[in-house]
Amino acid sequence: MNELFAPILDTATLDLPAIMPLYGGAEKPVSQMSEDEFDAVAQAVYVKVREQAFSRGLPVIIGREGQVLKEYADGRIEVVPS
């Protein structure tokens, strides 16, 4: 997994990491994805984020219907006060 986040050498400067517009380690930049591809990758990333957070006992912060919510592994959902 670390290889997904390893800095990529910027070929223009040969020293600074390039900012790659990749979404969750996808093989294609976001700007080149179709809506269906983007939705599929977004769902896969969400599943990974939930798994990682829940395995550490942390909630996932999500937005739904204009509200910010904390989602817990046990299924509880709390509204985050604004």
PDB file of N, CA and C in Angstrom:
ATOM      1  N   MET A   1       0.815  -1.192   0.000  1.00  0.00           N
ATOM      2  CA  MET A   1       0.000   0.000   0.000  1.00  0.00           C
ATOM      3  C   MET A   1       0.859   1.256   0.000  1.00  0.00           C
ATOM      4  N   ASN A   2       2.017   1.219   0.641  1.00  0.00           N
ATOM      5  CA  ASN A   2       2.866   2.402   0.681  1.00  0.00           C
ATOM      6  C   ASN A   2       3.288   2.855  -0.704  1.00  0.00           C
ATOM      7  N   GLU A   3       3.417   1.919  -1.639  1.00  0.00           N
ATOM      8  CA  GLU A   3       3.826   2.306  -2.986  1.00  0.00           C
ATOM      9  C   GLU A   3       2.784   3.202  -3.656  1.00  0.00           C
ATOM     10  N   LEU A   4       1.525   3.139  -3.204  1.00  0.00           N
ATOM     11  CA  LEU A   4       0.506   4.016  -3.774  1.00  0.00           C
ATOM     12  C   LEU A   4       0.748   5.469  -3.408  1.00  0.00           C
ATOM     13  N   PHE A   5       1.401   5.707  -2.264  1.00  0.00           N
ATOM     14  CA  PHE A   5       1.599   7.064  -1.777  1.00  0.00           C
ATOM     15  C   PHE A   5       3.044   7.521  -1.874  1.00  0.00           C
ATOM     16  N   ALA A   6       3.889   6.725  -2.493  1.00  0.00           N
ATOM     17  CA  ALA A   6       5.286   7.115  -2.641  1.00  0.00           C
ATOM     18  C   ALA A   6       5.382   8.329  -3.548  1.00  0.00           C
ATOM     19  N   PRO A   7       6.256   9.291  -3.191  1.00  0.00           N
ATOM     20  CA  PRO A   7       6.396  10.479  -4.040  1.00  0.00           C
ATOM     21  C   PRO A   7       6.847  10.098  -5.447  1.00  0.00           C
ATOM     22  N   ILE A   8       6.348  10.816  -6.404  1.00  0.00           N
ATOM     23  CA  ILE A   8       6.710  10.606  -7.801  1.00  0.00           C
ATOM     24  C   ILE A   8       7.596  11.771  -8.212  1.00  0.00           C
ATOM     25  N   LEU A   9       8.734  11.474  -8.798  1.00  0.00           N
ATOM     26  CA  LEU A   9       9.660  12.516  -9.207  1.00  0.00           C
ATOM     27  C   LEU A   9       9.047  13.375 -10.297  1.00  0.00           C
ATOM     28  N   ASP A  10       9.081  14.677 -10.092  1.00  0.00           N
ATOM     29  CA  ASP A  10       8.573  15.626 -11.081  1.00  0.00           C
ATOM     30  C   ASP A  10       9.624  15.757 -12.173  1.00  0.00           C
ATOM     31  N   THR A  11       9.303  15.323 -13.363  1.00  0.00           N
ATOM     32  CA  THR A  11      10.286  15.338 -14.442  1.00  0.00           C
ATOM     33  C   THR A  11      10.619  16.745 -14.905  1.00  0.00           C
ATOM     34  N   ALA A  12       9.779  17.729 -14.600  1.00  0.00           N
ATOM     35  CA  ALA A  12      10.070  19.111 -14.999  1.00  0.00           C
ATOM     36  C   ALA A  12      11.192  19.701 -14.156  1.00  0.00           C
ATOM     37  N   THR A  13      11.202  19.401 -12.856  1.00  0.00           N
ATOM     38  CA  THR A  13      12.219  19.981 -11.970  1.00  0.00           C
ATOM     39  C   THR A  13      13.241  18.950 -11.505  1.00  0.00           C
ATOM     40  N   LEU A  14      12.928  17.688 -11.661  1.00  0.00           N
ATOM     41  CA  LEU A  14      13.776  16.569 -11.244  1.00  0.00           C
ATOM     42  C   LEU A  14      14.038  16.503  -9.746  1.00  0.00           C
ATOM     43  N   ASP A  15      13.256  17.240  -8.947  1.00  0.00           N
ATOM     44  CA  ASP A  15      13.485  17.133  -7.513  1.00  0.00           C
ATOM     45  C   ASP A  15      12.209  17.205  -6.670  1.00  0.00           C
ATOM     46  N   LEU A  16      11.194  17.850  -7.118  1.00  0.00           N
ATOM     47  CA  LEU A  16       9.980  17.977  -6.324  1.00  0.00           C
ATOM     48  C   LEU A  16       8.998  16.880  -6.698  1.00  0.00           C
ATOM     49  N   PRO A  17       8.272  16.352  -5.710  1.00  0.00           N
ATOM     50  CA  PRO A  17       7.266  15.349  -6.051  1.00  0.00           C
ATOM     51  C   PRO A  17       6.152  15.955  -6.897  1.00  0.00           C
ATOM     52  N   ALA A  18       5.757  15.248  -7.901  1.00  0.00           N
ATOM     53  CA  ALA A  18       4.664  15.707  -8.746  1.00  0.00           C
ATOM     54  C   ALA A  18       3.346  15.466  -8.028  1.00  0.00           C
ATOM     55  N   ILE A  19       2.384  16.320  -8.251  1.00  0.00           N
ATOM     56  CA  ILE A  19       1.044  16.097  -7.724  1.00  0.00           C
ATOM     57  C   ILE A  19       0.271  15.381  -8.808  1.00  0.00           C
ATOM     58  N   MET A  20      -0.075  14.131  -8.534  1.00  0.00           N
ATOM     59  CA  MET A  20      -0.772  13.328  -9.518  1.00  0.00           C
ATOM     60  C   MET A  20      -2.263  13.340  -9.202  1.00  0.00           C
ATOM     61  N   PRO A  21      -3.097  13.705 -10.154  1.00  0.00           N
ATOM     62  CA  PRO A  21      -4.542  13.745  -9.899  1.00  0.00           C
ATOM     63  C   PRO A  21      -5.175  12.362  -9.982  1.00  0.00           C
ATOM     64  N   LEU A  22      -4.676  11.462  -9.161  1.00  0.00           N
ATOM     65  CA  LEU A  22      -5.219  10.109  -9.125  1.00  0.00           C
ATOM     66  C   LEU A  22      -6.114   9.985  -7.913  1.00  0.00           C
ATOM     67  N   TYR A  23      -7.118   9.184  -8.019  1.00  0.00           N
ATOM     68  CA  TYR A  23      -8.119   9.055  -6.981  1.00  0.00           C
ATOM     69  C   TYR A  23      -7.998   7.685  -6.349  1.00  0.00           C
ATOM     70  N   GLY A  24      -7.413   7.649  -5.155  1.00  0.00           N
ATOM     71  CA  GLY A  24      -7.322   6.385  -4.426  1.00  0.00           C
ATOM     72  C   GLY A  24      -6.452   5.335  -5.084  1.00  0.00           C
ATOM     73  N   GLY A  25      -5.410   5.739  -5.787  1.00  0.00           N
ATOM     74  CA  GLY A  25      -4.531   4.789  -6.426  1.00  0.00           C
ATOM     75  C   GLY A  25      -5.048   4.279  -7.756  1.00  0.00           C
ATOM     76  N   ALA A  26      -6.046   4.946  -8.310  1.00  0.00           N
ATOM     77  CA  ALA A  26      -6.586   4.540  -9.604  1.00  0.00           C
ATOM     78  C   ALA A  26      -5.507   4.666 -10.671  1.00  0.00           C
ATOM     79  N   GLU A  27      -5.644   3.904 -11.718  1.00  0.00           N
ATOM     80  CA  GLU A  27      -4.651   3.922 -12.785  1.00  0.00           C
ATOM     81  C   GLU A  27      -4.858   5.073 -13.759  1.00  0.00           C
ATOM     82  N   LYS A  28      -5.909   5.817 -13.587  1.00  0.00           N
ATOM     83  CA  LYS A  28      -6.271   6.862 -14.530  1.00  0.00           C
ATOM     84  C   LYS A  28      -6.535   8.157 -13.760  1.00  0.00           C
ATOM     85  N   PRO A  29      -6.054   9.306 -14.248  1.00  0.00           N
ATOM     86  CA  PRO A  29      -6.359  10.570 -13.569  1.00  0.00           C
ATOM     87  C   PRO A  29      -7.865  10.834 -13.539  1.00  0.00           C
ATOM     88  N   VAL A  30      -8.312  11.490 -12.484  1.00  0.00           N
ATOM     89  CA  VAL A  30      -9.731  11.800 -12.319  1.00  0.00           C
ATOM     90  C   VAL A  30     -10.283  12.529 -13.538  1.00  0.00           C
ATOM     91  N   SER A  31      -9.492  13.441 -14.080  1.00  0.00           N
ATOM     92  CA  SER A  31      -9.948  14.241 -15.218  1.00  0.00           C
ATOM     93  C   SER A  31     -10.237  13.403 -16.457  1.00  0.00           C
ATOM     94  N   GLN A  32      -9.735  12.167 -16.505  1.00  0.00           N
ATOM     95  CA  GLN A  32      -9.951  11.311 -17.663  1.00  0.00           C
ATOM     96  C   GLN A  32     -10.982  10.203 -17.405  1.00  0.00           C
ATOM     97  N   MET A  33     -11.561  10.190 -16.203  1.00  0.00           N
ATOM     98  CA  MET A  33     -12.527   9.145 -15.865  1.00  0.00           C
ATOM     99  C   MET A  33     -13.919   9.521 -16.345  1.00  0.00           C
ATOM    100  N   SER A  34     -14.660   8.500 -16.754  1.00  0.00           N
ATOM    101  CA  SER A  34     -16.076   8.702 -17.029  1.00  0.00           C
ATOM    102  C   SER A  34     -16.792   8.783 -15.681  1.00  0.00           C
ATOM    103  N   GLU A  35     -18.031   9.201 -15.680  1.00  0.00           N
ATOM    104  CA  GLU A  35     -18.785   9.296 -14.429  1.00  0.00           C
ATOM    105  C   GLU A  35     -18.922   7.921 -13.767  1.00  0.00           C
ATOM    106  N   ASP A  36     -19.150   6.888 -14.572  1.00  0.00           N
ATOM    107  CA  ASP A  36     -19.270   5.532 -14.023  1.00  0.00           C
ATOM    108  C   ASP A  36     -17.957   5.058 -13.405  1.00  0.00           C
ATOM    109  N   GLU A  37     -16.836   5.345 -14.072  1.00  0.00           N
ATOM    110  CA  GLU A  37     -15.521   4.966 -13.543  1.00  0.00           C
ATOM    111  C   GLU A  37     -15.259   5.694 -12.226  1.00  0.00           C
ATOM    112  N   PHE A  38     -15.548   6.991 -12.204  1.00  0.00           N
ATOM    113  CA  PHE A  38     -15.337   7.792 -11.004  1.00  0.00           C
ATOM    114  C   PHE A  38     -16.181   7.243  -9.851  1.00  0.00           C
ATOM    115  N   ASP A  39     -17.450   6.951 -10.107  1.00  0.00           N
ATOM    116  CA  ASP A  39     -18.333   6.418  -9.064  1.00  0.00           C
ATOM    117  C   ASP A  39     -17.811   5.094  -8.523  1.00  0.00           C
ATOM    118  N   ALA A  40     -17.324   4.232  -9.405  1.00  0.00           N
ATOM    119  CA  ALA A  40     -16.803   2.931  -8.979  1.00  0.00           C
ATOM    120  C   ALA A  40     -15.557   3.094  -8.108  1.00  0.00           C
ATOM    121  N   VAL A  41     -14.661   3.968  -8.517  1.00  0.00           N
ATOM    122  CA  VAL A  41     -13.441   4.209  -7.746  1.00  0.00           C
ATOM    123  C   VAL A  41     -13.788   4.869  -6.417  1.00  0.00           C
ATOM    124  N   ALA A  42     -14.697   5.835  -6.436  1.00  0.00           N
ATOM    125  CA  ALA A  42     -15.109   6.514  -5.204  1.00  0.00           C
ATOM    126  C   ALA A  42     -15.682   5.502  -4.209  1.00  0.00           C
ATOM    127  N   GLN A  43     -16.496   4.591  -4.677  1.00  0.00           N
ATOM    128  CA  GLN A  43     -17.078   3.574  -3.801  1.00  0.00           C
ATOM    129  C   GLN A  43     -15.991   2.669  -3.230  1.00  0.00           C
ATOM    130  N   ALA A  44     -15.030   2.277  -4.060  1.00  0.00           N
ATOM    131  CA  ALA A  44     -13.939   1.417  -3.591  1.00  0.00           C
ATOM    132  C   ALA A  44     -13.102   2.135  -2.534  1.00  0.00           C
ATOM    133  N   VAL A  45     -12.834   3.416  -2.732  1.00  0.00           N
ATOM    134  CA  VAL A  45     -12.067   4.194  -1.757  1.00  0.00           C
ATOM    135  C   VAL A  45     -12.850   4.311  -0.456  1.00  0.00           C
ATOM    136  N   TYR A  46     -14.141   4.567  -0.545  1.00  0.00           N
ATOM    137  CA  TYR A  46     -14.979   4.678   0.647  1.00  0.00           C
ATOM    138  C   TYR A  46     -14.958   3.381   1.461  1.00  0.00           C
ATOM    139  N   VAL A  47     -15.023   2.255   0.784  1.00  0.00           N
ATOM    140  CA  VAL A  47     -14.974   0.966   1.475  1.00  0.00           C
ATOM    141  C   VAL A  47     -13.638   0.815   2.210  1.00  0.00           C
ATOM    142  N   LYS A  48     -12.539   1.195   1.566  1.00  0.00           N
ATOM    143  CA  LYS A  48     -11.214   1.099   2.194  1.00  0.00           C
ATOM    144  C   LYS A  48     -11.106   2.035   3.392  1.00  0.00           C
ATOM    145  N   VAL A  49     -11.606   3.253   3.247  1.00  0.00           N
ATOM    146  CA  VAL A  49     -11.544   4.233   4.329  1.00  0.00           C
ATOM    147  C   VAL A  49     -12.335   3.731   5.534  1.00  0.00           C
ATOM    148  N   ARG A  50     -13.531   3.222   5.296  1.00  0.00           N
ATOM    149  CA  ARG A  50     -14.358   2.699   6.390  1.00  0.00           C
ATOM    150  C   ARG A  50     -13.638   1.556   7.100  1.00  0.00           C
ATOM    151  N   GLU A  51     -13.095   0.644   6.314  1.00  0.00           N
ATOM    152  CA  GLU A  51     -12.399  -0.506   6.889  1.00  0.00           C
ATOM    153  C   GLU A  51     -11.234  -0.055   7.777  1.00  0.00           C
ATOM    154  N   GLN A  52     -10.432   0.870   7.274  1.00  0.00           N
ATOM    155  CA  GLN A  52      -9.281   1.360   8.037  1.00  0.00           C
ATOM    156  C   GLN A  52      -9.712   2.099   9.295  1.00  0.00           C
ATOM    157  N   ALA A  53     -10.687   2.984   9.176  1.00  0.00           N
ATOM    158  CA  ALA A  53     -11.158   3.755  10.333  1.00  0.00           C
ATOM    159  C   ALA A  53     -11.775   2.832  11.377  1.00  0.00           C
ATOM    160  N   PHE A  54     -12.670   1.966  10.948  1.00  0.00           N
ATOM    161  CA  PHE A  54     -13.364   1.088  11.886  1.00  0.00           C
ATOM    162  C   PHE A  54     -12.390   0.132  12.575  1.00  0.00           C
ATOM    163  N   SER A  55     -11.366  -0.319  11.867  1.00  0.00           N
ATOM    164  CA  SER A  55     -10.392  -1.228  12.481  1.00  0.00           C
ATOM    165  C   SER A  55      -9.585  -0.525  13.568  1.00  0.00           C
ATOM    166  N   ARG A  56      -9.560   0.793  13.535  1.00  0.00           N
ATOM    167  CA  ARG A  56      -8.852   1.583  14.555  1.00  0.00           C
ATOM    168  C   ARG A  56      -9.818   2.148  15.609  1.00  0.00           C
ATOM    169  N   GLY A  57     -11.083   1.790  15.499  1.00  0.00           N
ATOM    170  CA  GLY A  57     -12.069   2.271  16.452  1.00  0.00           C
ATOM    171  C   GLY A  57     -12.505   3.705  16.203  1.00  0.00           C
ATOM    172  N   LEU A  58     -12.286   4.201  15.006  1.00  0.00           N
ATOM    173  CA  LEU A  58     -12.630   5.583  14.673  1.00  0.00           C
ATOM    174  C   LEU A  58     -13.886   5.637  13.809  1.00  0.00           C
ATOM    175  N   PRO A  59     -14.625   6.729  13.900  1.00  0.00           N
ATOM    176  CA  PRO A  59     -15.766   6.901  13.003  1.00  0.00           C
ATOM    177  C   PRO A  59     -15.307   7.434  11.653  1.00  0.00           C
ATOM    178  N   VAL A  60     -16.185   7.346  10.680  1.00  0.00           N
ATOM    179  CA  VAL A  60     -15.958   7.949   9.371  1.00  0.00           C
ATOM    180  C   VAL A  60     -16.838   9.189   9.323  1.00  0.00           C
ATOM    181  N   ILE A  61     -16.277  10.299   8.883  1.00  0.00           N
ATOM    182  CA  ILE A  61     -17.035  11.541   8.754  1.00  0.00           C
ATOM    183  C   ILE A  61     -17.560  11.602   7.329  1.00  0.00           C
ATOM    184  N   ILE A  62     -18.880  11.738   7.200  1.00  0.00           N
ATOM    185  CA  ILE A  62     -19.502  11.770   5.871  1.00  0.00           C
ATOM    186  C   ILE A  62     -20.454  12.948   5.784  1.00  0.00           C
ATOM    187  N   GLY A  63     -20.760  13.326   4.580  1.00  0.00           N
ATOM    188  CA  GLY A  63     -21.782  14.327   4.332  1.00  0.00           C
ATOM    189  C   GLY A  63     -22.963  13.665   3.666  1.00  0.00           C
ATOM    190  N   ARG A  64     -24.153  13.961   4.177  1.00  0.00           N
ATOM    191  CA  ARG A  64     -25.357  13.363   3.600  1.00  0.00           C
ATOM    192  C   ARG A  64     -26.504  14.350   3.784  1.00  0.00           C
ATOM    193  N   GLU A  65     -27.160  14.661   2.681  1.00  0.00           N
ATOM    194  CA  GLU A  65     -28.315  15.558   2.691  1.00  0.00           C
ATOM    195  C   GLU A  65     -28.028  16.864   3.425  1.00  0.00           C
ATOM    196  N   GLY A  66     -26.837  17.426   3.171  1.00  0.00           N
ATOM    197  CA  GLY A  66     -26.477  18.717   3.748  1.00  0.00           C
ATOM    198  C   GLY A  66     -26.014  18.671   5.188  1.00  0.00           C
ATOM    199  N   GLN A  67     -25.907  17.492   5.768  1.00  0.00           N
ATOM    200  CA  GLN A  67     -25.443  17.358   7.144  1.00  0.00           C
ATOM    201  C   GLN A  67     -24.096  16.658   7.182  1.00  0.00           C
ATOM    202  N   VAL A  68     -23.303  16.992   8.205  1.00  0.00           N
ATOM    203  CA  VAL A  68     -22.054  16.287   8.456  1.00  0.00           C
ATOM    204  C   VAL A  68     -22.355  15.266   9.536  1.00  0.00           C
ATOM    205  N   LEU A  69     -21.979  14.005   9.259  1.00  0.00           N
ATOM    206  CA  LEU A  69     -22.317  12.900  10.147  1.00  0.00           C
ATOM    207  C   LEU A  69     -21.080  12.097  10.515  1.00  0.00           C
ATOM    208  N   LYS A  70     -21.109  11.497  11.705  1.00  0.00           N
ATOM    209  CA  LYS A  70     -20.109  10.510  12.111  1.00  0.00           C
ATOM    210  C   LYS A  70     -20.767   9.145  11.996  1.00  0.00           C
ATOM    211  N   GLU A  71     -20.145   8.261  11.253  1.00  0.00           N
ATOM    212  CA  GLU A  71     -20.646   6.899  11.096  1.00  0.00           C
ATOM    213  C   GLU A  71     -19.698   5.955  11.839  1.00  0.00           C
ATOM    214  N   TYR A  72     -20.244   5.150  12.740  1.00  0.00           N
ATOM    215  CA  TYR A  72     -19.453   4.237  13.553  1.00  0.00           C
ATOM    216  C   TYR A  72     -19.600   2.801  13.055  1.00  0.00           C
ATOM    217  N   ALA A  73     -18.651   1.965  13.439  1.00  0.00           N
ATOM    218  CA  ALA A  73     -18.644   0.562  13.004  1.00  0.00           C
ATOM    219  C   ALA A  73     -19.886  -0.193  13.463  1.00  0.00           C
ATOM    220  N   ASP A  74     -20.459   0.205  14.598  1.00  0.00           N
ATOM    221  CA  ASP A  74     -21.639  -0.497  15.110  1.00  0.00           C
ATOM    222  C   ASP A  74     -22.934  -0.034  14.430  1.00  0.00           C
ATOM    223  N   GLY A  75     -22.811   0.871  13.446  1.00  0.00           N
ATOM    224  CA  GLY A  75     -23.982   1.332  12.709  1.00  0.00           C
ATOM    225  C   GLY A  75     -24.555   2.648  13.206  1.00  0.00           C
ATOM    226  N   ARG A  76     -24.078   3.110  14.363  1.00  0.00           N
ATOM    227  CA  ARG A  76     -24.553   4.404  14.866  1.00  0.00           C
ATOM    228  C   ARG A  76     -24.155   5.522  13.924  1.00  0.00           C
ATOM    229  N   ILE A  77     -25.046   6.487  13.799  1.00  0.00           N
ATOM    230  CA  ILE A  77     -24.735   7.692  13.031  1.00  0.00           C
ATOM    231  C   ILE A  77     -25.117   8.880  13.891  1.00  0.00           C
ATOM    232  N   GLU A  78     -24.159   9.797  14.085  1.00  0.00           N
ATOM    233  CA  GLU A  78     -24.391  10.996  14.875  1.00  0.00           C
ATOM    234  C   GLU A  78     -24.223  12.223  13.988  1.00  0.00           C
ATOM    235  N   VAL A  79     -25.075  13.213  14.210  1.00  0.00           N
ATOM    236  CA  VAL A  79     -24.934  14.494  13.514  1.00  0.00           C
ATOM    237  C   VAL A  79     -23.825  15.272  14.206  1.00  0.00           C
ATOM    238  N   VAL A  80     -22.911  15.829  13.402  1.00  0.00           N
ATOM    239  CA  VAL A  80     -21.850  16.684  13.933  1.00  0.00           C
ATOM    240  C   VAL A  80     -22.423  18.097  14.021  1.00  0.00           C
ATOM    241  N   PRO A  81     -22.472  18.670  15.235  1.00  0.00           N
ATOM    242  CA  PRO A  81     -23.036  20.017  15.359  1.00  0.00           C
ATOM    243  C   PRO A  81     -22.207  21.028  14.570  1.00  0.00           C
ATOM    244  N   SER A  82     -22.891  21.989  13.978  1.00  0.00           N
ATOM    245  CA  SER A  82     -22.154  22.998  13.207  1.00  0.00           C
ATOM    246  C   SER A  82     -21.852  24.225  14.014  1.00  0.00           C
TER     247      SER A  82
END
